[in-house]
Amino acid sequence: MGRPNNFGGFGGGANMQQLMRQAQKMQQQMQEAQEQLDAAEYEASAGGGMVSVKVTGKRELTAITIDPQVVDPDDIEMLQDLILAAVNEALRKGEEARESAMNRMAPGMGGLF
């Protein structure tokens, strides 16, 4: 008669269906988490608040606020440095939130996300 089929018949098929349902549920939860992360905004500032920025979870810069006191035509490099520092910090916050959320969704999967 051959060997028993582990994926069909009594028991095996039910376990496979349950596993598939769990995988689909996890995929849906991960999709919802991804959408929430993409919609989130992260804000950071530099120079004691002289420059502040907002980015989305999609890593898009959406706002820059610059205090007029920091605008010095003779020292544009400082302003550029403050903008870079604020943008990089906001992006880091977003990435940290993304990693944390993905690790909560898939514990034990190591550095998959």
PDB file of N, CA and C in Angstrom:
ATOM      1  N   MET A   1       0.798  -1.195   0.000  1.00  0.00           N
ATOM      2  CA  MET A   1       0.000   0.000   0.000  1.00  0.00           C
ATOM      3  C   MET A   1       0.841   1.260   0.000  1.00  0.00           C
ATOM      4  N   GLY A   2       2.103   1.165   0.254  1.00  0.00           N
ATOM      5  CA  GLY A   2       2.944   2.360   0.292  1.00  0.00           C
ATOM      6  C   GLY A   2       2.973   2.984   1.671  1.00  0.00           C
ATOM      7  N   ARG A   3       3.728   4.059   1.754  1.00  0.00           N
ATOM      8  CA  ARG A   3       3.876   4.734   3.038  1.00  0.00           C
ATOM      9  C   ARG A   3       2.715   5.687   3.303  1.00  0.00           C
ATOM     10  N   PRO A   4       2.406   5.913   4.581  1.00  0.00           N
ATOM     11  CA  PRO A   4       1.334   6.857   4.898  1.00  0.00           C
ATOM     12  C   PRO A   4       1.737   8.279   4.502  1.00  0.00           C
ATOM     13  N   ASN A   5       0.785   9.048   4.089  1.00  0.00           N
ATOM     14  CA  ASN A   5       1.006  10.437   3.698  1.00  0.00           C
ATOM     15  C   ASN A   5       0.846  11.326   4.932  1.00  0.00           C
ATOM     16  N   ASN A   6       1.895  12.024   5.317  1.00  0.00           N
ATOM     17  CA  ASN A   6       1.853  12.875   6.508  1.00  0.00           C
ATOM     18  C   ASN A   6       0.995  14.130   6.320  1.00  0.00           C
ATOM     19  N   PHE A   7       0.674  14.469   5.074  1.00  0.00           N
ATOM     20  CA  PHE A   7      -0.065  15.705   4.834  1.00  0.00           C
ATOM     21  C   PHE A   7      -1.537  15.479   4.512  1.00  0.00           C
ATOM     22  N   GLY A   8      -1.971  14.256   4.447  1.00  0.00           N
ATOM     23  CA  GLY A   8      -3.361  13.989   4.115  1.00  0.00           C
ATOM     24  C   GLY A   8      -3.970  13.049   5.125  1.00  0.00           C
ATOM     25  N   GLY A   9      -5.178  12.671   4.888  1.00  0.00           N
ATOM     26  CA  GLY A   9      -5.829  11.711   5.778  1.00  0.00           C
ATOM     27  C   GLY A   9      -6.238  12.344   7.086  1.00  0.00           C
ATOM     28  N   PHE A  10      -6.343  11.533   8.097  1.00  0.00           N
ATOM     29  CA  PHE A  10      -6.789  12.002   9.400  1.00  0.00           C
ATOM     30  C   PHE A  10      -5.623  12.604  10.178  1.00  0.00           C
ATOM     31  N   GLY A  11      -5.814  13.778  10.722  1.00  0.00           N
ATOM     32  CA  GLY A  11      -4.810  14.388  11.585  1.00  0.00           C
ATOM     33  C   GLY A  11      -3.818  15.247  10.823  1.00  0.00           C
ATOM     34  N   GLY A  12      -3.095  14.689   9.907  1.00  0.00           N
ATOM     35  CA  GLY A  12      -2.059  15.434   9.201  1.00  0.00           C
ATOM     36  C   GLY A  12      -2.603  16.613   8.426  1.00  0.00           C
ATOM     37  N   GLY A  13      -3.717  16.411   7.705  1.00  0.00           N
ATOM     38  CA  GLY A  13      -4.314  17.486   6.922  1.00  0.00           C
ATOM     39  C   GLY A  13      -4.850  18.594   7.806  1.00  0.00           C
ATOM     40  N   ALA A  14      -5.436  18.217   8.929  1.00  0.00           N
ATOM     41  CA  ALA A  14      -5.967  19.222   9.854  1.00  0.00           C
ATOM     42  C   ALA A  14      -4.840  20.070  10.420  1.00  0.00           C
ATOM     43  N   ASN A  15      -3.721  19.442  10.746  1.00  0.00           N
ATOM     44  CA  ASN A  15      -2.579  20.191  11.262  1.00  0.00           C
ATOM     45  C   ASN A  15      -2.033  21.148  10.218  1.00  0.00           C
ATOM     46  N   MET A  16      -1.993  20.701   8.974  1.00  0.00           N
ATOM     47  CA  MET A  16      -1.498  21.547   7.891  1.00  0.00           C
ATOM     48  C   MET A  16      -2.430  22.737   7.675  1.00  0.00           C
ATOM     49  N   GLN A  17      -3.739  22.500   7.731  1.00  0.00           N
ATOM     50  CA  GLN A  17      -4.697  23.597   7.576  1.00  0.00           C
ATOM     51  C   GLN A  17      -4.556  24.605   8.700  1.00  0.00           C
ATOM     52  N   GLN A  18      -4.374  24.113   9.915  1.00  0.00           N
ATOM     53  CA  GLN A  18      -4.207  25.005  11.054  1.00  0.00           C
ATOM     54  C   GLN A  18      -2.925  25.837  10.894  1.00  0.00           C
ATOM     55  N   LEU A  19      -1.867  25.208  10.449  1.00  0.00           N
ATOM     56  CA  LEU A  19      -0.605  25.899  10.226  1.00  0.00           C
ATOM     57  C   LEU A  19      -0.763  26.981   9.154  1.00  0.00           C
ATOM     58  N   MET A  20      -1.479  26.661   8.091  1.00  0.00           N
ATOM     59  CA  MET A  20      -1.722  27.631   7.018  1.00  0.00           C
ATOM     60  C   MET A  20      -2.541  28.811   7.531  1.00  0.00           C
ATOM     61  N   ARG A  21      -3.553  28.541   8.345  1.00  0.00           N
ATOM     62  CA  ARG A  21      -4.363  29.628   8.916  1.00  0.00           C
ATOM     63  C   ARG A  21      -3.515  30.526   9.806  1.00  0.00           C
ATOM     64  N   GLN A  22      -2.653  29.924  10.605  1.00  0.00           N
ATOM     65  CA  GLN A  22      -1.773  30.705  11.476  1.00  0.00           C
ATOM     66  C   GLN A  22      -0.816  31.565  10.650  1.00  0.00           C
ATOM     67  N   ALA A  23      -0.295  31.004   9.576  1.00  0.00           N
ATOM     68  CA  ALA A  23       0.622  31.746   8.713  1.00  0.00           C
ATOM     69  C   ALA A  23      -0.097  32.916   8.046  1.00  0.00           C
ATOM     70  N   GLN A  24      -1.338  32.702   7.591  1.00  0.00           N
ATOM     71  CA  GLN A  24      -2.110  33.773   6.977  1.00  0.00           C
ATOM     72  C   GLN A  24      -2.428  34.869   7.986  1.00  0.00           C
ATOM     73  N   LYS A  25      -2.761  34.469   9.215  1.00  0.00           N
ATOM     74  CA  LYS A  25      -3.055  35.445  10.263  1.00  0.00           C
ATOM     75  C   LYS A  25      -1.813  36.272  10.572  1.00  0.00           C
ATOM     76  N   MET A  26      -0.667  35.621  10.666  1.00  0.00           N
ATOM     77  CA  MET A  26       0.576  36.330  10.940  1.00  0.00           C
ATOM     78  C   MET A  26       0.915  37.286   9.800  1.00  0.00           C
ATOM     79  N   GLN A  27       0.701  36.848   8.585  1.00  0.00           N
ATOM     80  CA  GLN A  27       0.966  37.706   7.427  1.00  0.00           C
ATOM     81  C   GLN A  27       0.066  38.937   7.462  1.00  0.00           C
ATOM     82  N   GLN A  28      -1.206  38.765   7.814  1.00  0.00           N
ATOM     83  CA  GLN A  28      -2.132  39.882   7.903  1.00  0.00           C
ATOM     84  C   GLN A  28      -1.705  40.843   9.014  1.00  0.00           C
ATOM     85  N   GLN A  29      -1.304  40.317  10.154  1.00  0.00           N
ATOM     86  CA  GLN A  29      -0.854  41.161  11.259  1.00  0.00           C
ATOM     87  C   GLN A  29       0.399  41.946  10.877  1.00  0.00           C
ATOM     88  N   MET A  30       1.296  41.302  10.166  1.00  0.00           N
ATOM     89  CA  MET A  30       2.516  41.982   9.738  1.00  0.00           C
ATOM     90  C   MET A  30       2.190  43.082   8.723  1.00  0.00           C
ATOM     91  N   GLN A  31       1.237  42.840   7.849  1.00  0.00           N
ATOM     92  CA  GLN A  31       0.824  43.855   6.869  1.00  0.00           C
ATOM     93  C   GLN A  31       0.217  45.056   7.592  1.00  0.00           C
ATOM     94  N   GLU A  32      -0.637  44.804   8.593  1.00  0.00           N
ATOM     95  CA  GLU A  32      -1.243  45.887   9.363  1.00  0.00           C
ATOM     96  C   GLU A  32      -0.182  46.676  10.115  1.00  0.00           C
ATOM     97  N   ALA A  33       0.786  45.990  10.700  1.00  0.00           N
ATOM     98  CA  ALA A  33       1.869  46.660  11.421  1.00  0.00           C
ATOM     99  C   ALA A  33       2.690  47.512  10.456  1.00  0.00           C
ATOM    100  N   GLN A  34       2.953  46.984   9.268  1.00  0.00           N
ATOM    101  CA  GLN A  34       3.710  47.733   8.253  1.00  0.00           C
ATOM    102  C   GLN A  34       2.976  49.016   7.876  1.00  0.00           C
ATOM    103  N   GLU A  35       1.675  48.938   7.689  1.00  0.00           N
ATOM    104  CA  GLU A  35       0.888  50.114   7.339  1.00  0.00           C
ATOM    105  C   GLU A  35       0.926  51.153   8.451  1.00  0.00           C
ATOM    106  N   GLN A  36       0.838  50.702   9.695  1.00  0.00           N
ATOM    107  CA  GLN A  36       0.908  51.623  10.828  1.00  0.00           C
ATOM    108  C   GLN A  36       2.287  52.277  10.912  1.00  0.00           C
ATOM    109  N   LEU A  37       3.325  51.500  10.710  1.00  0.00           N
ATOM    110  CA  LEU A  37       4.675  52.048  10.747  1.00  0.00           C
ATOM    111  C   LEU A  37       4.902  53.051   9.619  1.00  0.00           C
ATOM    112  N   ASP A  38       4.390  52.763   8.441  1.00  0.00           N
ATOM    113  CA  ASP A  38       4.542  53.680   7.316  1.00  0.00           C
ATOM    114  C   ASP A  38       3.830  55.005   7.577  1.00  0.00           C
ATOM    115  N   ALA A  39       2.694  54.968   8.274  1.00  0.00           N
ATOM    116  CA  ALA A  39       1.910  56.166   8.533  1.00  0.00           C
ATOM    117  C   ALA A  39       2.443  56.986   9.711  1.00  0.00           C
ATOM    118  N   ALA A  40       3.260  56.391  10.553  1.00  0.00           N
ATOM    119  CA  ALA A  40       3.764  57.083  11.738  1.00  0.00           C
ATOM    120  C   ALA A  40       4.710  58.206  11.354  1.00  0.00           C
ATOM    121  N   GLU A  41       4.778  59.230  12.226  1.00  0.00           N
ATOM    122  CA  GLU A  41       5.719  60.330  12.042  1.00  0.00           C
ATOM    123  C   GLU A  41       6.716  60.333  13.191  1.00  0.00           C
ATOM    124  N   TYR A  42       7.947  60.680  12.860  1.00  0.00           N
ATOM    125  CA  TYR A  42       9.008  60.747  13.846  1.00  0.00           C
ATOM    126  C   TYR A  42       9.644  62.124  13.759  1.00  0.00           C
ATOM    127  N   GLU A  43       9.866  62.731  14.910  1.00  0.00           N
ATOM    128  CA  GLU A  43      10.403  64.075  14.951  1.00  0.00           C
ATOM    129  C   GLU A  43      11.713  64.082  15.722  1.00  0.00           C
ATOM    130  N   ALA A  44      12.636  64.920  15.277  1.00  0.00           N
ATOM    131  CA  ALA A  44      13.905  65.082  15.981  1.00  0.00           C
ATOM    132  C   ALA A  44      14.379  66.511  15.764  1.00  0.00           C
ATOM    133  N   SER A  45      15.257  66.953  16.669  1.00  0.00           N
ATOM    134  CA  SER A  45      15.798  68.300  16.540  1.00  0.00           C
ATOM    135  C   SER A  45      17.290  68.283  16.810  1.00  0.00           C
ATOM    136  N   ALA A  46      17.932  69.382  16.448  1.00  0.00           N
ATOM    137  CA  ALA A  46      19.365  69.539  16.669  1.00  0.00           C
ATOM    138  C   ALA A  46      19.629  70.989  17.047  1.00  0.00           C
ATOM    139  N   GLY A  47      20.787  71.206  17.643  1.00  0.00           N
ATOM    140  CA  GLY A  47      21.154  72.570  18.028  1.00  0.00           C
ATOM    141  C   GLY A  47      20.246  73.128  19.099  1.00  0.00           C
ATOM    142  N   GLY A  48      19.854  72.291  20.035  1.00  0.00           N
ATOM    143  CA  GLY A  48      18.984  72.754  21.110  1.00  0.00           C
ATOM    144  C   GLY A  48      17.608  73.179  20.617  1.00  0.00           C
ATOM    145  N   GLY A  49      17.149  72.548  19.540  1.00  0.00           N
ATOM    146  CA  GLY A  49      15.834  72.853  19.001  1.00  0.00           C
ATOM    147  C   GLY A  49      15.847  73.913  17.910  1.00  0.00           C
ATOM    148  N   MET A  50      17.035  74.356  17.522  1.00  0.00           N
ATOM    149  CA  MET A  50      17.136  75.385  16.474  1.00  0.00           C
ATOM    150  C   MET A  50      16.673  74.849  15.119  1.00  0.00           C
ATOM    151  N   VAL A  51      16.853  73.552  14.903  1.00  0.00           N
ATOM    152  CA  VAL A  51      16.392  72.888  13.684  1.00  0.00           C
ATOM    153  C   VAL A  51      15.611  71.660  14.113  1.00  0.00           C
ATOM    154  N   SER A  52      14.385  71.530  13.600  1.00  0.00           N
ATOM    155  CA  SER A  52      13.622  70.312  13.865  1.00  0.00           C
ATOM    156  C   SER A  52      13.038  69.806  12.557  1.00  0.00           C
ATOM    157  N   VAL A  53      12.872  68.486  12.499  1.00  0.00           N
ATOM    158  CA  VAL A  53      12.371  67.853  11.282  1.00  0.00           C
ATOM    159  C   VAL A  53      11.366  66.774  11.645  1.00  0.00           C
ATOM    160  N   LYS A  54      10.540  66.414  10.672  1.00  0.00           N
ATOM    161  CA  LYS A  54       9.625  65.287  10.788  1.00  0.00           C
ATOM    162  C   LYS A  54       9.829  64.399   9.573  1.00  0.00           C
ATOM    163  N   VAL A  55       9.818  63.087   9.838  1.00  0.00           N
ATOM    164  CA  VAL A  55       9.878  62.105   8.760  1.00  0.00           C
ATOM    165  C   VAL A  55       8.764  61.092   8.986  1.00  0.00           C
ATOM    166  N   THR A  56       8.373  60.418   7.916  1.00  0.00           N
ATOM    167  CA  THR A  56       7.373  59.366   8.030  1.00  0.00           C
ATOM    168  C   THR A  56       8.081  58.023   8.172  1.00  0.00           C
ATOM    169  N   GLY A  57       7.295  57.013   8.510  1.00  0.00           N
ATOM    170  CA  GLY A  57       7.826  55.658   8.565  1.00  0.00           C
ATOM    171  C   GLY A  57       8.287  55.164   7.210  1.00  0.00           C
ATOM    172  N   LYS A  58       7.876  55.838   6.153  1.00  0.00           N
ATOM    173  CA  LYS A  58       8.344  55.491   4.803  1.00  0.00           C
ATOM    174  C   LYS A  58       9.664  56.176   4.477  1.00  0.00           C
ATOM    175  N   ARG A  59      10.235  56.815   5.520  1.00  0.00           N
ATOM    176  CA  ARG A  59      11.520  57.504   5.393  1.00  0.00           C
ATOM    177  C   ARG A  59      11.451  58.711   4.455  1.00  0.00           C
ATOM    178  N   GLU A  60      10.323  59.415   4.516  1.00  0.00           N
ATOM    179  CA  GLU A  60      10.152  60.627   3.718  1.00  0.00           C
ATOM    180  C   GLU A  60      10.179  61.830   4.650  1.00  0.00           C
ATOM    181  N   LEU A  61      10.966  62.826   4.308  1.00  0.00           N
ATOM    182  CA  LEU A  61      11.038  64.059   5.070  1.00  0.00           C
ATOM    183  C   LEU A  61       9.783  64.869   4.777  1.00  0.00           C
ATOM    184  N   THR A  62       9.027  65.228   5.822  1.00  0.00           N
ATOM    185  CA  THR A  62       7.763  65.944   5.600  1.00  0.00           C
ATOM    186  C   THR A  62       7.784  67.382   6.106  1.00  0.00           C
ATOM    187  N   ALA A  63       8.713  67.712   7.017  1.00  0.00           N
ATOM    188  CA  ALA A  63       8.747  69.080   7.542  1.00  0.00           C
ATOM    189  C   ALA A  63      10.138  69.410   8.068  1.00  0.00           C
ATOM    190  N   ILE A  64      10.516  70.668   7.871  1.00  0.00           N
ATOM    191  CA  ILE A  64      11.743  71.211   8.451  1.00  0.00           C
ATOM    192  C   ILE A  64      11.375  72.552   9.060  1.00  0.00           C
ATOM    193  N   THR A  65      11.764  72.753  10.308  1.00  0.00           N
ATOM    194  CA  THR A  65      11.562  74.033  10.965  1.00  0.00           C
ATOM    195  C   THR A  65      12.935  74.556  11.381  1.00  0.00           C
ATOM    196  N   ILE A  66      13.240  75.795  10.969  1.00  0.00           N
ATOM    197  CA  ILE A  66      14.539  76.390  11.265  1.00  0.00           C
ATOM    198  C   ILE A  66      14.306  77.700  12.002  1.00  0.00           C
ATOM    199  N   ASP A  67      14.903  77.826  13.182  1.00  0.00           N
ATOM    200  CA  ASP A  67      14.830  79.059  13.954  1.00  0.00           C
ATOM    201  C   ASP A  67      15.637  80.126  13.202  1.00  0.00           C
ATOM    202  N   PRO A  68      15.059  81.292  12.937  1.00  0.00           N
ATOM    203  CA  PRO A  68      15.770  82.335  12.190  1.00  0.00           C
ATOM    204  C   PRO A  68      17.118  82.726  12.807  1.00  0.00           C
ATOM    205  N   GLN A  69      17.287  82.544  14.104  1.00  0.00           N
ATOM    206  CA  GLN A  69      18.549  82.906  14.758  1.00  0.00           C
ATOM    207  C   GLN A  69      19.723  82.064  14.270  1.00  0.00           C
ATOM    208  N   VAL A  70      19.444  80.873  13.769  1.00  0.00           N
ATOM    209  CA  VAL A  70      20.517  79.992  13.323  1.00  0.00           C
ATOM    210  C   VAL A  70      20.900  80.240  11.863  1.00  0.00           C
ATOM    211  N   VAL A  71      20.142  81.078  11.176  1.00  0.00           N
ATOM    212  CA  VAL A  71      20.431  81.386   9.777  1.00  0.00           C
ATOM    213  C   VAL A  71      21.482  82.491   9.724  1.00  0.00           C
ATOM    214  N   ASP A  72      22.714  82.109   9.460  1.00  0.00           N
ATOM    215  CA  ASP A  72      23.834  83.037   9.366  1.00  0.00           C
ATOM    216  C   ASP A  72      24.486  82.837   8.001  1.00  0.00           C
ATOM    217  N   PRO A  73      24.329  83.820   7.103  1.00  0.00           N
ATOM    218  CA  PRO A  73      24.903  83.670   5.760  1.00  0.00           C
ATOM    219  C   PRO A  73      26.408  83.403   5.762  1.00  0.00           C
ATOM    220  N   ASP A  74      27.079  83.770   6.849  1.00  0.00           N
ATOM    221  CA  ASP A  74      28.520  83.547   6.923  1.00  0.00           C
ATOM    222  C   ASP A  74      28.871  82.168   7.487  1.00  0.00           C
ATOM    223  N   ASP A  75      27.849  81.417   7.933  1.00  0.00           N
ATOM    224  CA  ASP A  75      28.111  80.092   8.501  1.00  0.00           C
ATOM    225  C   ASP A  75      27.033  79.093   8.056  1.00  0.00           C
ATOM    226  N   ILE A  76      26.898  78.924   6.768  1.00  0.00           N
ATOM    227  CA  ILE A  76      25.921  78.003   6.196  1.00  0.00           C
ATOM    228  C   ILE A  76      26.241  76.563   6.593  1.00  0.00           C
ATOM    229  N   GLU A  77      27.518  76.241   6.757  1.00  0.00           N
ATOM    230  CA  GLU A  77      27.908  74.877   7.106  1.00  0.00           C
ATOM    231  C   GLU A  77      27.285  74.428   8.422  1.00  0.00           C
ATOM    232  N   MET A  78      27.202  75.331   9.406  1.00  0.00           N
ATOM    233  CA  MET A  78      26.594  74.954  10.683  1.00  0.00           C
ATOM    234  C   MET A  78      25.124  74.599  10.483  1.00  0.00           C
ATOM    235  N   LEU A  79      24.421  75.393   9.694  1.00  0.00           N
ATOM    236  CA  LEU A  79      23.008  75.119   9.421  1.00  0.00           C
ATOM    237  C   LEU A  79      22.858  73.776   8.705  1.00  0.00           C
ATOM    238  N   GLN A  80      23.699  73.521   7.747  1.00  0.00           N
ATOM    239  CA  GLN A  80      23.652  72.246   7.032  1.00  0.00           C
ATOM    240  C   GLN A  80      23.898  71.080   7.982  1.00  0.00           C
ATOM    241  N   ASP A  81      24.875  71.236   8.869  1.00  0.00           N
ATOM    242  CA  ASP A  81      25.180  70.181   9.842  1.00  0.00           C
ATOM    243  C   ASP A  81      23.997  69.932  10.771  1.00  0.00           C
ATOM    244  N   LEU A  82      23.337  70.996  11.213  1.00  0.00           N
ATOM    245  CA  LEU A  82      22.181  70.846  12.102  1.00  0.00           C
ATOM    246  C   LEU A  82      21.041  70.125  11.395  1.00  0.00           C
ATOM    247  N   ILE A  83      20.814  70.453  10.135  1.00  0.00           N
ATOM    248  CA  ILE A  83      19.757  69.789   9.366  1.00  0.00           C
ATOM    249  C   ILE A  83      20.077  68.302   9.205  1.00  0.00           C
ATOM    250  N   LEU A  84      21.312  67.998   8.835  1.00  0.00           N
ATOM    251  CA  LEU A  84      21.706  66.596   8.689  1.00  0.00           C
ATOM    252  C   LEU A  84      21.549  65.828   9.995  1.00  0.00           C
ATOM    253  N   ALA A  85      21.980  66.429  11.092  1.00  0.00           N
ATOM    254  CA  ALA A  85      21.880  65.755  12.388  1.00  0.00           C
ATOM    255  C   ALA A  85      20.424  65.485  12.754  1.00  0.00           C
ATOM    256  N   ALA A  86      19.552  66.455  12.539  1.00  0.00           N
ATOM    257  CA  ALA A  86      18.144  66.279  12.886  1.00  0.00           C
ATOM    258  C   ALA A  86      17.487  65.222  12.000  1.00  0.00           C
ATOM    259  N   VAL A  87      17.739  65.266  10.698  1.00  0.00           N
ATOM    260  CA  VAL A  87      17.152  64.288   9.778  1.00  0.00           C
ATOM    261  C   VAL A  87      17.634  62.880  10.113  1.00  0.00           C
ATOM    262  N   ASN A  88      18.922  62.732  10.334  1.00  0.00           N
ATOM    263  CA  ASN A  88      19.450  61.398  10.649  1.00  0.00           C
ATOM    264  C   ASN A  88      18.886  60.863  11.955  1.00  0.00           C
ATOM    265  N   GLU A  89      18.689  61.712  12.947  1.00  0.00           N
ATOM    266  CA  GLU A  89      18.118  61.268  14.220  1.00  0.00           C
ATOM    267  C   GLU A  89      16.660  60.849  14.039  1.00  0.00           C
ATOM    268  N   ALA A  90      15.889  61.614  13.268  1.00  0.00           N
ATOM    269  CA  ALA A  90      14.492  61.249  13.023  1.00  0.00           C
ATOM    270  C   ALA A  90      14.404  59.923  12.276  1.00  0.00           C
ATOM    271  N   LEU A  91      15.259  59.725  11.286  1.00  0.00           N
ATOM    272  CA  LEU A  91      15.275  58.460  10.548  1.00  0.00           C
ATOM    273  C   LEU A  91      15.669  57.299  11.459  1.00  0.00           C
ATOM    274  N   ARG A  92      16.629  57.543  12.360  1.00  0.00           N
ATOM    275  CA  ARG A  92      17.048  56.508  13.302  1.00  0.00           C
ATOM    276  C   ARG A  92      15.893  56.120  14.218  1.00  0.00           C
ATOM    277  N   LYS A  93      15.133  57.116  14.679  1.00  0.00           N
ATOM    278  CA  LYS A  93      13.973  56.833  15.535  1.00  0.00           C
ATOM    279  C   LYS A  93      12.950  55.971  14.798  1.00  0.00           C
ATOM    280  N   GLY A  94      12.704  56.300  13.542  1.00  0.00           N
ATOM    281  CA  GLY A  94      11.763  55.524  12.747  1.00  0.00           C
ATOM    282  C   GLY A  94      12.230  54.097  12.541  1.00  0.00           C
ATOM    283  N   GLU A  95      13.510  53.926  12.264  1.00  0.00           N
ATOM    284  CA  GLU A  95      14.051  52.581  12.045  1.00  0.00           C
ATOM    285  C   GLU A  95      14.011  51.770  13.339  1.00  0.00           C
ATOM    286  N   GLU A  96      14.301  52.431  14.447  1.00  0.00           N
ATOM    287  CA  GLU A  96      14.249  51.757  15.743  1.00  0.00           C
ATOM    288  C   GLU A  96      12.827  51.280  16.051  1.00  0.00           C
ATOM    289  N   ALA A  97      11.847  52.121  15.759  1.00  0.00           N
ATOM    290  CA  ALA A  97      10.449  51.738  15.977  1.00  0.00           C
ATOM    291  C   ALA A  97      10.059  50.574  15.071  1.00  0.00           C
ATOM    292  N   ARG A  98      10.517  50.597  13.835  1.00  0.00           N
ATOM    293  CA  ARG A  98      10.226  49.524  12.873  1.00  0.00           C
ATOM    294  C   ARG A  98      10.822  48.199  13.354  1.00  0.00           C
ATOM    295  N   GLU A  99      12.080  48.217  13.772  1.00  0.00           N
ATOM    296  CA  GLU A  99      12.725  46.997  14.241  1.00  0.00           C
ATOM    297  C   GLU A  99      12.033  46.447  15.482  1.00  0.00           C
ATOM    298  N   SER A 100      11.679  47.340  16.390  1.00  0.00           N
ATOM    299  CA  SER A 100      11.005  46.926  17.627  1.00  0.00           C
ATOM    300  C   SER A 100       9.660  46.273  17.313  1.00  0.00           C
ATOM    301  N   ALA A 101       8.895  46.885  16.415  1.00  0.00           N
ATOM    302  CA  ALA A 101       7.582  46.343  16.061  1.00  0.00           C
ATOM    303  C   ALA A 101       7.708  44.981  15.371  1.00  0.00           C
ATOM    304  N   MET A 102       8.650  44.864  14.474  1.00  0.00           N
ATOM    305  CA  MET A 102       8.819  43.594  13.759  1.00  0.00           C
ATOM    306  C   MET A 102       9.304  42.502  14.707  1.00  0.00           C
ATOM    307  N   ASN A 103      10.160  42.858  15.647  1.00  0.00           N
ATOM    308  CA  ASN A 103      10.637  41.861  16.607  1.00  0.00           C
ATOM    309  C   ASN A 103       9.505  41.397  17.526  1.00  0.00           C
ATOM    310  N   ARG A 104       8.574  42.287  17.855  1.00  0.00           N
ATOM    311  CA  ARG A 104       7.407  41.892  18.650  1.00  0.00           C
ATOM    312  C   ARG A 104       6.492  40.967  17.854  1.00  0.00           C
ATOM    313  N   MET A 105       6.409  41.187  16.545  1.00  0.00           N
ATOM    314  CA  MET A 105       5.529  40.377  15.695  1.00  0.00           C
ATOM    315  C   MET A 105       6.096  38.974  15.480  1.00  0.00           C
ATOM    316  N   ALA A 106       7.397  38.850  15.437  1.00  0.00           N
ATOM    317  CA  ALA A 106       8.012  37.559  15.118  1.00  0.00           C
ATOM    318  C   ALA A 106       9.108  37.223  16.116  1.00  0.00           C
ATOM    319  N   PRO A 107       8.757  37.036  17.396  1.00  0.00           N
ATOM    320  CA  PRO A 107       9.799  36.704  18.361  1.00  0.00           C
ATOM    321  C   PRO A 107      10.435  35.355  18.042  1.00  0.00           C
ATOM    322  N   GLY A 108      11.696  35.281  18.307  1.00  0.00           N
ATOM    323  CA  GLY A 108      12.393  34.019  18.088  1.00  0.00           C
ATOM    324  C   GLY A 108      12.850  33.810  16.665  1.00  0.00           C
ATOM    325  N   MET A 109      12.589  34.761  15.773  1.00  0.00           N
ATOM    326  CA  MET A 109      13.005  34.591  14.388  1.00  0.00           C
ATOM    327  C   MET A 109      14.365  35.257  14.159  1.00  0.00           C
ATOM    328  N   GLY A 110      15.011  35.673  15.233  1.00  0.00           N
ATOM    329  CA  GLY A 110      16.340  36.247  15.127  1.00  0.00           C
ATOM    330  C   GLY A 110      16.305  37.586  14.415  1.00  0.00           C
ATOM    331  N   GLY A 111      17.291  37.859  13.612  1.00  0.00           N
ATOM    332  CA  GLY A 111      17.413  39.121  12.916  1.00  0.00           C
ATOM    333  C   GLY A 111      16.739  39.121  11.561  1.00  0.00           C
ATOM    334  N   LEU A 112      15.697  38.340  11.400  1.00  0.00           N
ATOM    335  CA  LEU A 112      15.006  38.252  10.119  1.00  0.00           C
ATOM    336  C   LEU A 112      14.525  39.613   9.664  1.00  0.00           C
ATOM    337  N   PHE A 113      14.054  40.436  10.604  1.00  0.00           N
ATOM    338  CA  PHE A 113      13.534  41.753  10.252  1.00  0.00           C
ATOM    339  C   PHE A 113      14.510  42.795  10.709  1.00  0.00           C
TER     340      PHE A 113
END
